[in-house]
């Protein structure tokens, strides 16, 4: 009888200790998607190439994810049109990816990793690309399309009414008149 009582008390004590032990939280790793769209700017209907990596941070170091992952490629055209999904791209075992598309309009390319609940956080990267039809001087100045000067172009160019780079000193629609 005493033996059964001791066994029962030990069982109750073990159960109580197990129930009060703190649960170990699952580690959720920070991820990082990078993106570089080239060339910038790009001629209309030419190829734009999106390149980048997907990595996660463990023990203070960025590493490739243990398996290849699928990323979503979207394009947000300049103007009133809404962003749209363009396709999917798979990373390599080193975390790198490459995606090629035809550039028909200026806008912002985005690559998104959805993450994995409880393991890897979601992340995304974006890069804007200006698409030109008659000359790179028609693209608006932006962080990805720096200001141009006449010496960068090296000839007289038609800029029309959208003289983004201030090439038309006399407002006649022609920029870099000094090359005439």
N, C-alpha and C. Protein backbone atom coordinates (compact mmCIF):
# COMPACT_ATOMS: atom_id res chain seq x y z
N UNK A 1 0.81 -1.18 0.00
CA UNK A 1 0.00 0.00 0.00
C UNK A 1 0.86 1.26 0.00
N UNK A 2 1.91 1.25 0.84
CA UNK A 2 2.80 2.41 0.89
C UNK A 2 3.53 2.56 -0.44
N UNK A 3 3.88 1.42 -1.00
CA UNK A 3 4.60 1.46 -2.27
C UNK A 3 3.71 2.09 -3.34
N UNK A 4 2.42 1.71 -3.41
CA UNK A 4 1.51 2.29 -4.40
C UNK A 4 1.34 3.79 -4.17
N UNK A 5 1.29 4.21 -2.95
CA UNK A 5 1.13 5.62 -2.61
C UNK A 5 2.35 6.41 -3.07
N UNK A 6 3.53 5.86 -2.84
CA UNK A 6 4.77 6.53 -3.26
C UNK A 6 4.82 6.63 -4.79
N UNK A 7 4.49 5.55 -5.46
CA UNK A 7 4.49 5.55 -6.93
C UNK A 7 3.49 6.58 -7.44
N UNK A 8 2.31 6.64 -6.82
CA UNK A 8 1.29 7.61 -7.24
C UNK A 8 1.77 9.03 -7.01
N UNK A 9 2.41 9.32 -5.87
CA UNK A 9 2.92 10.65 -5.58
C UNK A 9 4.04 11.05 -6.55
N UNK A 10 4.92 10.13 -6.85
CA UNK A 10 6.00 10.39 -7.80
C UNK A 10 5.41 10.69 -9.17
N UNK A 11 4.40 9.95 -9.58
CA UNK A 11 3.74 10.18 -10.88
C UNK A 11 3.09 11.55 -10.93
N UNK A 12 2.38 11.92 -9.86
CA UNK A 12 1.74 13.23 -9.79
C UNK A 12 2.78 14.33 -9.82
N UNK A 13 3.87 14.17 -9.08
CA UNK A 13 4.94 15.17 -9.05
C UNK A 13 5.58 15.31 -10.43
N UNK A 14 5.84 14.20 -11.11
CA UNK A 14 6.44 14.24 -12.45
C UNK A 14 5.51 14.94 -13.44
N UNK A 15 4.22 14.66 -13.34
CA UNK A 15 3.24 15.29 -14.20
C UNK A 15 3.19 16.79 -13.95
N UNK A 16 3.23 17.19 -12.70
CA UNK A 16 3.19 18.61 -12.34
C UNK A 16 4.43 19.34 -12.84
N UNK A 17 5.59 18.72 -12.71
CA UNK A 17 6.83 19.33 -13.20
C UNK A 17 6.83 19.45 -14.71
N UNK A 18 6.33 18.45 -15.39
CA UNK A 18 6.28 18.48 -16.85
C UNK A 18 5.34 19.58 -17.33
N UNK A 19 4.20 19.71 -16.69
CA UNK A 19 3.21 20.71 -17.09
C UNK A 19 3.71 22.13 -16.84
N UNK A 20 4.54 22.33 -15.83
CA UNK A 20 5.01 23.68 -15.52
C UNK A 20 6.29 24.05 -16.26
N UNK A 21 6.91 23.10 -16.96
CA UNK A 21 8.14 23.40 -17.70
C UNK A 21 7.81 24.32 -18.87
N UNK A 22 8.62 25.35 -19.10
CA UNK A 22 8.32 26.26 -20.21
C UNK A 22 8.50 25.57 -21.55
N UNK A 23 7.56 25.85 -22.45
CA UNK A 23 7.65 25.27 -23.81
C UNK A 23 8.73 26.02 -24.56
N UNK A 24 9.52 25.29 -25.32
CA UNK A 24 10.59 25.90 -26.09
C UNK A 24 9.99 26.48 -27.37
N UNK A 25 10.17 27.78 -27.58
CA UNK A 25 9.62 28.46 -28.76
C UNK A 25 10.38 28.04 -30.00
N UNK A 26 9.63 27.89 -31.09
CA UNK A 26 10.26 27.56 -32.37
C UNK A 26 11.02 28.77 -32.88
N UNK A 27 12.18 28.55 -33.49
CA UNK A 27 12.97 29.64 -34.04
C UNK A 27 12.40 30.03 -35.40
N UNK A 28 12.12 31.33 -35.56
CA UNK A 28 11.67 31.85 -36.85
C UNK A 28 12.81 32.71 -37.38
N UNK A 29 13.34 32.33 -38.54
CA UNK A 29 14.50 33.00 -39.11
C UNK A 29 14.09 34.18 -39.99
N UNK A 30 14.89 35.23 -39.92
CA UNK A 30 14.72 36.39 -40.79
C UNK A 30 15.25 36.02 -42.17
N UNK A 31 14.49 36.39 -43.22
CA UNK A 31 14.94 36.14 -44.59
C UNK A 31 15.25 37.46 -45.27
N UNK A 32 15.99 37.39 -46.36
CA UNK A 32 16.35 38.58 -47.13
C UNK A 32 16.32 38.25 -48.62
N UNK A 33 15.44 38.94 -49.35
CA UNK A 33 15.38 38.82 -50.80
C UNK A 33 16.08 40.04 -51.38
N UNK A 34 16.95 39.85 -52.36
CA UNK A 34 17.57 40.96 -53.08
C UNK A 34 17.11 40.92 -54.53
N UNK A 35 17.14 42.07 -55.19
CA UNK A 35 16.71 42.16 -56.59
C UNK A 35 17.48 43.26 -57.29
N UNK A 36 17.98 42.94 -58.48
CA UNK A 36 18.60 43.94 -59.35
C UNK A 36 18.06 43.69 -60.75
N UNK A 37 17.34 44.68 -61.29
CA UNK A 37 16.78 44.58 -62.64
C UNK A 37 17.70 45.33 -63.59
N UNK A 38 18.11 44.67 -64.68
CA UNK A 38 19.04 45.27 -65.64
C UNK A 38 18.60 44.95 -67.04
N UNK A 39 18.87 45.78 -68.02
CA UNK A 39 19.51 47.08 -67.90
C UNK A 39 18.51 48.13 -67.41
N UNK A 40 19.05 49.22 -66.92
CA UNK A 40 18.24 50.35 -66.46
C UNK A 40 18.80 51.61 -67.08
N UNK A 41 18.07 52.34 -67.86
CA UNK A 41 16.78 52.01 -68.46
C UNK A 41 16.94 50.97 -69.56
N UNK A 42 15.82 50.50 -70.09
CA UNK A 42 15.82 49.46 -71.11
C UNK A 42 14.95 49.91 -72.28
N UNK A 43 15.36 49.54 -73.48
CA UNK A 43 14.57 49.88 -74.68
C UNK A 43 13.29 49.05 -74.69
N UNK A 44 12.21 49.65 -75.20
CA UNK A 44 10.92 48.98 -75.25
C UNK A 44 11.02 47.67 -76.04
N UNK A 45 10.38 46.63 -75.52
CA UNK A 45 10.31 45.29 -76.09
C UNK A 45 11.65 44.55 -76.09
N UNK A 46 12.59 45.02 -75.32
CA UNK A 46 13.85 44.31 -75.10
C UNK A 46 13.75 43.54 -73.79
N UNK A 47 14.73 42.72 -73.52
CA UNK A 47 14.71 41.87 -72.33
C UNK A 47 15.23 42.60 -71.10
N UNK A 48 14.48 42.48 -70.02
CA UNK A 48 14.95 42.95 -68.71
C UNK A 48 15.21 41.69 -67.89
N UNK A 49 16.34 41.64 -67.21
CA UNK A 49 16.74 40.47 -66.43
C UNK A 49 16.70 40.82 -64.94
N UNK A 50 15.96 40.03 -64.18
CA UNK A 50 15.88 40.19 -62.74
C UNK A 50 16.79 39.15 -62.10
N UNK A 51 17.72 39.62 -61.28
CA UNK A 51 18.64 38.70 -60.59
C UNK A 51 18.68 39.06 -59.12
N UNK A 52 18.87 38.04 -58.30
CA UNK A 52 18.98 38.29 -56.87
C UNK A 52 19.20 37.01 -56.10
N UNK A 53 19.03 37.12 -54.79
CA UNK A 53 19.21 35.96 -53.92
C UNK A 53 18.13 35.94 -52.84
N UNK A 54 17.95 34.78 -52.26
CA UNK A 54 17.10 34.58 -51.08
C UNK A 54 17.97 33.89 -50.05
N UNK A 55 18.14 34.54 -48.89
CA UNK A 55 18.97 33.99 -47.82
C UNK A 55 18.23 34.09 -46.50
N UNK A 56 18.72 33.39 -45.49
CA UNK A 56 18.18 33.52 -44.14
C UNK A 56 19.34 33.69 -43.17
N UNK A 57 19.05 34.33 -42.03
CA UNK A 57 20.10 34.62 -41.06
C UNK A 57 20.04 33.62 -39.92
N UNK A 58 21.17 32.92 -39.72
CA UNK A 58 21.30 31.95 -38.63
C UNK A 58 22.67 32.14 -38.01
N UNK A 59 22.69 32.23 -36.70
CA UNK A 59 23.94 32.41 -35.94
C UNK A 59 24.74 33.61 -36.45
N UNK A 60 24.02 34.69 -36.83
CA UNK A 60 24.68 35.91 -37.26
C UNK A 60 25.19 35.91 -38.68
N UNK A 61 24.95 34.82 -39.43
CA UNK A 61 25.44 34.74 -40.81
C UNK A 61 24.29 34.50 -41.77
N UNK A 62 24.38 35.12 -42.97
CA UNK A 62 23.38 34.90 -44.02
C UNK A 62 23.74 33.63 -44.77
N UNK A 63 22.75 32.75 -44.93
CA UNK A 63 22.96 31.45 -45.58
C UNK A 63 21.85 31.19 -46.59
N UNK A 64 22.14 30.31 -47.55
CA UNK A 64 21.11 29.87 -48.49
C UNK A 64 20.14 28.96 -47.75
N UNK A 65 18.86 29.02 -48.11
CA UNK A 65 17.87 28.14 -47.49
C UNK A 65 18.20 26.69 -47.82
N UNK A 66 17.83 25.75 -46.96
CA UNK A 66 18.24 24.36 -47.15
C UNK A 66 17.72 23.71 -48.44
N UNK A 67 16.62 24.21 -48.98
CA UNK A 67 16.10 23.66 -50.23
C UNK A 67 15.75 24.82 -51.15
N UNK A 68 15.55 24.52 -52.44
CA UNK A 68 15.15 25.57 -53.37
C UNK A 68 13.76 26.07 -53.00
N UNK A 69 13.51 27.33 -53.25
CA UNK A 69 12.23 27.96 -52.90
C UNK A 69 11.65 28.66 -54.13
N UNK A 70 10.33 28.81 -54.14
CA UNK A 70 9.63 29.48 -55.23
C UNK A 70 9.33 30.92 -54.82
N UNK A 71 9.67 31.86 -55.71
CA UNK A 71 9.42 33.27 -55.49
C UNK A 71 8.39 33.74 -56.53
N UNK A 72 7.57 34.71 -56.16
CA UNK A 72 6.57 35.27 -57.06
C UNK A 72 7.09 36.57 -57.65
N UNK A 73 6.98 36.71 -58.97
CA UNK A 73 7.41 37.92 -59.67
C UNK A 73 6.16 38.72 -60.04
N UNK A 74 6.12 39.99 -59.62
CA UNK A 74 5.02 40.88 -59.98
C UNK A 74 5.56 42.13 -60.64
N UNK A 75 4.69 42.79 -61.41
CA UNK A 75 5.05 44.02 -62.08
C UNK A 75 3.97 45.05 -61.82
N UNK A 76 4.36 46.23 -61.37
CA UNK A 76 3.45 47.35 -61.13
C UNK A 76 3.78 48.43 -62.16
N UNK A 77 3.01 48.50 -63.25
CA UNK A 77 3.32 49.48 -64.30
C UNK A 77 3.09 50.91 -63.82
N UNK A 78 3.88 51.83 -64.36
CA UNK A 78 3.67 53.25 -64.06
C UNK A 78 2.30 53.64 -64.57
N UNK A 79 1.63 54.51 -63.85
CA UNK A 79 0.31 54.95 -64.26
C UNK A 79 -0.78 54.29 -63.44
N UNK A 80 -2.01 54.34 -63.94
CA UNK A 80 -3.16 53.88 -63.14
C UNK A 80 -3.37 52.37 -63.08
N UNK A 81 -2.72 51.61 -63.94
CA UNK A 81 -2.93 50.16 -63.95
C UNK A 81 -2.44 49.53 -62.65
N UNK A 82 -3.11 48.46 -62.25
CA UNK A 82 -2.81 47.76 -61.00
C UNK A 82 -1.63 46.79 -61.20
N UNK A 83 -0.92 46.47 -60.11
CA UNK A 83 0.15 45.47 -60.19
C UNK A 83 -0.43 44.12 -60.62
N UNK A 84 0.40 43.32 -61.31
CA UNK A 84 -0.06 42.00 -61.73
C UNK A 84 1.06 40.98 -61.58
N UNK A 85 0.64 39.75 -61.30
CA UNK A 85 1.59 38.65 -61.18
C UNK A 85 2.08 38.29 -62.58
N UNK A 86 3.39 38.21 -62.72
CA UNK A 86 4.00 37.89 -64.01
C UNK A 86 4.38 36.43 -64.08
N UNK A 87 4.91 35.88 -63.00
CA UNK A 87 5.34 34.48 -63.02
C UNK A 87 5.97 34.05 -61.72
N UNK A 88 6.56 32.87 -61.77
CA UNK A 88 7.24 32.29 -60.62
C UNK A 88 8.68 31.99 -61.02
N UNK A 89 9.58 32.05 -60.06
CA UNK A 89 10.97 31.71 -60.30
C UNK A 89 11.46 30.89 -59.11
N UNK A 90 12.29 29.90 -59.37
CA UNK A 90 12.81 29.01 -58.33
C UNK A 90 14.27 29.37 -58.05
N UNK A 91 14.62 29.40 -56.77
CA UNK A 91 16.01 29.66 -56.39
C UNK A 91 16.85 28.41 -56.62
N UNK A 92 18.15 28.62 -56.76
CA UNK A 92 19.08 27.49 -56.84
C UNK A 92 19.44 27.07 -55.42
N UNK A 93 20.27 26.06 -55.29
CA UNK A 93 20.70 25.61 -53.96
C UNK A 93 21.55 26.67 -53.25
N UNK A 94 22.10 27.63 -54.00
CA UNK A 94 22.88 28.70 -53.38
C UNK A 94 22.01 29.90 -53.03
N UNK A 95 20.70 29.82 -53.34
CA UNK A 95 19.78 30.91 -53.04
C UNK A 95 19.62 31.91 -54.16
N UNK A 96 20.35 31.75 -55.27
CA UNK A 96 20.29 32.71 -56.38
C UNK A 96 19.10 32.41 -57.30
N UNK A 97 18.66 33.44 -58.01
CA UNK A 97 17.61 33.26 -59.02
C UNK A 97 17.83 34.24 -60.16
N UNK A 98 17.30 33.91 -61.33
CA UNK A 98 17.31 34.78 -62.51
C UNK A 98 15.98 34.63 -63.21
N UNK A 99 15.39 35.76 -63.61
CA UNK A 99 14.12 35.75 -64.32
C UNK A 99 14.21 36.77 -65.45
N UNK A 100 13.80 36.38 -66.65
CA UNK A 100 13.85 37.28 -67.81
C UNK A 100 12.43 37.57 -68.29
N UNK A 101 12.21 38.84 -68.66
CA UNK A 101 10.91 39.25 -69.16
C UNK A 101 11.09 40.31 -70.24
N UNK A 102 10.06 40.49 -71.06
CA UNK A 102 10.07 41.54 -72.07
C UNK A 102 9.59 42.83 -71.43
N UNK A 103 10.36 43.89 -71.61
CA UNK A 103 10.02 45.19 -71.03
C UNK A 103 9.15 45.97 -72.01
N UNK A 104 7.88 46.13 -71.66
CA UNK A 104 6.98 46.87 -72.54
C UNK A 104 6.56 48.21 -71.95
N UNK A 105 6.67 48.36 -70.62
CA UNK A 105 6.29 49.60 -69.94
C UNK A 105 7.22 49.86 -68.76
N UNK A 106 7.35 51.13 -68.42
CA UNK A 106 8.09 51.49 -67.21
C UNK A 106 7.29 51.05 -66.00
N UNK A 107 7.98 50.75 -64.93
CA UNK A 107 7.29 50.36 -63.70
C UNK A 107 8.23 49.70 -62.71
N UNK A 108 7.61 49.10 -61.69
CA UNK A 108 8.37 48.50 -60.59
C UNK A 108 8.21 46.98 -60.61
N UNK A 109 9.34 46.28 -60.64
CA UNK A 109 9.37 44.82 -60.55
C UNK A 109 9.54 44.45 -59.08
N UNK A 110 8.81 43.43 -58.65
CA UNK A 110 8.92 42.96 -57.27
C UNK A 110 9.05 41.44 -57.25
N UNK A 111 9.93 40.95 -56.41
CA UNK A 111 10.09 39.51 -56.19
C UNK A 111 9.77 39.24 -54.73
N UNK A 112 8.82 38.30 -54.49
CA UNK A 112 8.33 38.04 -53.13
C UNK A 112 8.56 36.59 -52.74
N UNK A 113 9.00 36.42 -51.50
CA UNK A 113 9.08 35.09 -50.89
C UNK A 113 7.99 35.04 -49.83
N UNK A 114 7.11 34.05 -49.91
CA UNK A 114 5.96 33.97 -49.01
C UNK A 114 6.34 33.52 -47.61
N UNK A 115 7.52 32.94 -47.45
CA UNK A 115 7.94 32.46 -46.14
C UNK A 115 7.33 31.10 -45.83
N UNK A 116 7.63 30.58 -44.66
CA UNK A 116 7.08 29.31 -44.20
C UNK A 116 6.71 29.51 -42.74
N UNK A 117 5.43 29.37 -42.45
CA UNK A 117 4.93 29.63 -41.10
C UNK A 117 5.75 28.88 -40.05
N UNK A 118 6.20 29.61 -39.05
CA UNK A 118 6.94 29.01 -37.96
C UNK A 118 8.41 28.76 -38.22
N UNK A 119 8.89 29.02 -39.45
CA UNK A 119 10.29 28.76 -39.77
C UNK A 119 10.99 29.95 -40.40
N UNK A 120 10.48 30.43 -41.54
CA UNK A 120 11.11 31.52 -42.28
C UNK A 120 10.10 32.65 -42.50
N UNK A 121 10.53 33.88 -42.24
CA UNK A 121 9.67 35.05 -42.45
C UNK A 121 9.56 35.38 -43.93
N UNK A 122 8.45 35.98 -44.32
CA UNK A 122 8.26 36.45 -45.69
C UNK A 122 9.11 37.69 -45.92
N UNK A 123 9.50 37.91 -47.18
CA UNK A 123 10.26 39.10 -47.53
C UNK A 123 10.05 39.39 -49.01
N UNK A 124 10.38 40.61 -49.43
CA UNK A 124 10.25 41.01 -50.83
C UNK A 124 11.29 42.08 -51.14
N UNK A 125 11.61 42.21 -52.42
CA UNK A 125 12.51 43.26 -52.90
C UNK A 125 11.94 43.82 -54.19
N UNK A 126 12.20 45.11 -54.46
CA UNK A 126 11.66 45.75 -55.65
C UNK A 126 12.73 46.60 -56.32
N UNK A 127 12.57 46.80 -57.63
CA UNK A 127 13.47 47.65 -58.41
C UNK A 127 12.67 48.24 -59.56
N UNK A 128 12.73 49.55 -59.72
CA UNK A 128 12.02 50.23 -60.80
C UNK A 128 12.88 50.26 -62.06
N UNK A 129 12.23 50.12 -63.21
CA UNK A 129 12.92 50.15 -64.49
C UNK A 129 12.15 51.09 -65.42
N UNK A 130 12.88 51.98 -66.06
CA UNK A 130 12.29 52.89 -67.04
C UNK A 130 12.43 52.27 -68.43
N UNK A 131 11.34 52.21 -69.17
CA UNK A 131 11.33 51.67 -70.53
C UNK A 131 11.19 52.85 -71.49
N UNK A 132 12.08 52.94 -72.46
CA UNK A 132 12.02 54.04 -73.43
C UNK A 132 11.81 53.49 -74.83
N UNK A 133 11.20 54.32 -75.68
CA UNK A 133 10.98 53.89 -77.06
C UNK A 133 11.85 54.65 -78.04
N UNK A 134 12.17 55.92 -77.74
CA UNK A 134 12.96 56.71 -78.67
C UNK A 134 14.33 57.08 -78.12
N UNK A 135 14.50 57.08 -76.86
CA UNK A 135 15.79 57.45 -76.29
C UNK A 135 15.76 57.45 -74.78
N UNK A 136 16.84 57.06 -74.20
CA UNK A 136 16.95 56.94 -72.75
C UNK A 136 16.68 58.27 -72.06
N UNK A 137 16.88 59.39 -72.77
CA UNK A 137 16.66 60.72 -72.22
C UNK A 137 15.18 60.98 -71.94
N UNK A 138 14.29 60.09 -72.37
CA UNK A 138 12.86 60.26 -72.11
C UNK A 138 12.42 59.64 -70.79
N UNK A 139 13.29 58.92 -70.12
CA UNK A 139 12.93 58.30 -68.85
C UNK A 139 13.02 59.33 -67.73
N UNK A 140 12.06 59.36 -66.83
CA UNK A 140 12.14 60.29 -65.70
C UNK A 140 13.37 60.02 -64.85
N UNK A 141 13.89 61.06 -64.25
CA UNK A 141 15.03 60.93 -63.34
C UNK A 141 14.54 60.24 -62.07
N UNK A 142 15.27 59.23 -61.63
CA UNK A 142 14.93 58.48 -60.43
C UNK A 142 16.21 57.91 -59.85
N UNK A 143 16.15 57.28 -58.69
CA UNK A 143 17.37 56.67 -58.13
C UNK A 143 17.97 55.62 -59.06
N UNK A 144 17.14 54.96 -59.87
CA UNK A 144 17.67 53.94 -60.78
C UNK A 144 17.98 54.51 -62.17
N UNK A 145 17.60 55.75 -62.43
CA UNK A 145 17.88 56.40 -63.71
C UNK A 145 18.40 57.80 -63.44
N UNK A 146 19.71 57.94 -63.25
CA UNK A 146 20.27 59.24 -62.89
C UNK A 146 20.11 60.28 -63.99
N UNK A 147 20.26 61.52 -63.61
CA UNK A 147 20.14 62.63 -64.54
C UNK A 147 21.20 62.52 -65.64
N UNK A 148 20.78 62.84 -66.86
CA UNK A 148 21.69 62.83 -68.00
C UNK A 148 22.01 64.26 -68.41
N UNK A 149 23.19 64.44 -68.93
CA UNK A 149 23.60 65.72 -69.52
C UNK A 149 23.90 65.47 -70.99
N UNK A 150 24.00 66.55 -71.77
CA UNK A 150 24.24 66.41 -73.21
C UNK A 150 25.52 65.63 -73.51
N UNK A 151 26.55 65.81 -72.66
CA UNK A 151 27.79 65.06 -72.90
C UNK A 151 27.58 63.56 -72.75
N UNK A 152 26.57 63.13 -71.95
CA UNK A 152 26.27 61.71 -71.80
C UNK A 152 25.62 61.15 -73.07
N UNK A 153 24.87 62.00 -73.79
CA UNK A 153 24.14 61.55 -74.98
C UNK A 153 24.98 61.73 -76.24
N UNK A 154 25.67 62.85 -76.35
CA UNK A 154 26.61 63.07 -77.44
C UNK A 154 26.00 63.41 -78.79
N UNK A 155 24.74 63.81 -78.84
CA UNK A 155 24.11 64.22 -80.11
C UNK A 155 22.82 64.99 -79.80
N UNK A 156 22.30 65.64 -80.82
CA UNK A 156 21.02 66.33 -80.67
C UNK A 156 19.92 65.29 -80.63
N UNK A 157 18.96 65.47 -79.70
CA UNK A 157 17.88 64.49 -79.53
C UNK A 157 16.53 65.19 -79.43
N UNK A 158 15.48 64.52 -79.87
CA UNK A 158 14.13 65.02 -79.73
C UNK A 158 13.63 64.66 -78.33
N UNK A 159 13.25 65.67 -77.53
CA UNK A 159 12.73 65.42 -76.20
C UNK A 159 11.25 65.75 -76.10
N UNK A 160 10.72 66.48 -77.07
CA UNK A 160 9.30 66.84 -77.06
C UNK A 160 8.97 67.72 -75.86
N UNK A 161 7.81 67.48 -75.25
CA UNK A 161 7.36 68.29 -74.13
C UNK A 161 7.80 67.71 -72.78
N UNK A 162 8.33 66.49 -72.78
CA UNK A 162 8.75 65.85 -71.53
C UNK A 162 10.27 65.85 -71.44
N UNK A 163 10.81 66.99 -71.09
CA UNK A 163 12.25 67.16 -71.00
C UNK A 163 12.72 66.86 -69.58
N UNK A 164 12.67 65.57 -69.21
CA UNK A 164 12.99 65.15 -67.84
C UNK A 164 14.39 65.54 -67.40
N UNK A 165 15.32 65.57 -68.34
CA UNK A 165 16.72 65.80 -67.99
C UNK A 165 17.18 67.24 -68.26
N UNK A 166 16.25 68.13 -68.60
CA UNK A 166 16.57 69.54 -68.88
C UNK A 166 17.64 69.67 -69.96
N UNK A 167 17.41 69.00 -71.08
CA UNK A 167 18.36 69.03 -72.20
C UNK A 167 18.00 70.11 -73.21
N UNK A 168 16.75 70.60 -73.18
CA UNK A 168 16.24 71.54 -74.18
C UNK A 168 16.27 72.96 -73.61
N UNK A 169 17.37 73.66 -73.82
CA UNK A 169 17.54 75.00 -73.25
C UNK A 169 16.62 76.03 -73.87
N UNK A 170 16.28 75.89 -75.16
CA UNK A 170 15.45 76.91 -75.82
C UNK A 170 13.99 76.48 -75.99
N UNK A 171 13.59 75.37 -75.39
CA UNK A 171 12.20 74.88 -75.40
C UNK A 171 11.61 74.70 -76.80
N UNK A 172 12.42 74.22 -77.74
CA UNK A 172 11.90 73.97 -79.08
C UNK A 172 11.62 72.47 -79.32
N UNK A 173 11.77 71.63 -78.26
CA UNK A 173 11.53 70.20 -78.39
C UNK A 173 12.80 69.40 -78.68
N UNK A 174 13.87 70.09 -79.06
CA UNK A 174 15.14 69.44 -79.35
C UNK A 174 16.12 69.70 -78.22
N UNK A 175 16.75 68.65 -77.73
CA UNK A 175 17.74 68.78 -76.67
C UNK A 175 19.14 68.66 -77.22
N UNK A 176 20.07 69.23 -76.53
CA UNK A 176 21.50 69.18 -76.89
C UNK A 176 21.74 69.80 -78.27
N UNK A 177 21.18 71.00 -78.47
CA UNK A 177 21.31 71.72 -79.74
C UNK A 177 22.77 71.96 -80.13
N UNK A 178 23.65 72.01 -79.16
CA UNK A 178 25.07 72.31 -79.45
C UNK A 178 25.71 71.24 -80.32
N UNK A 179 25.10 70.04 -80.44
CA UNK A 179 25.65 68.97 -81.27
C UNK A 179 25.18 69.07 -82.72
N UNK A 180 24.33 70.06 -83.04
CA UNK A 180 23.80 70.19 -84.41
C UNK A 180 24.85 70.66 -85.36
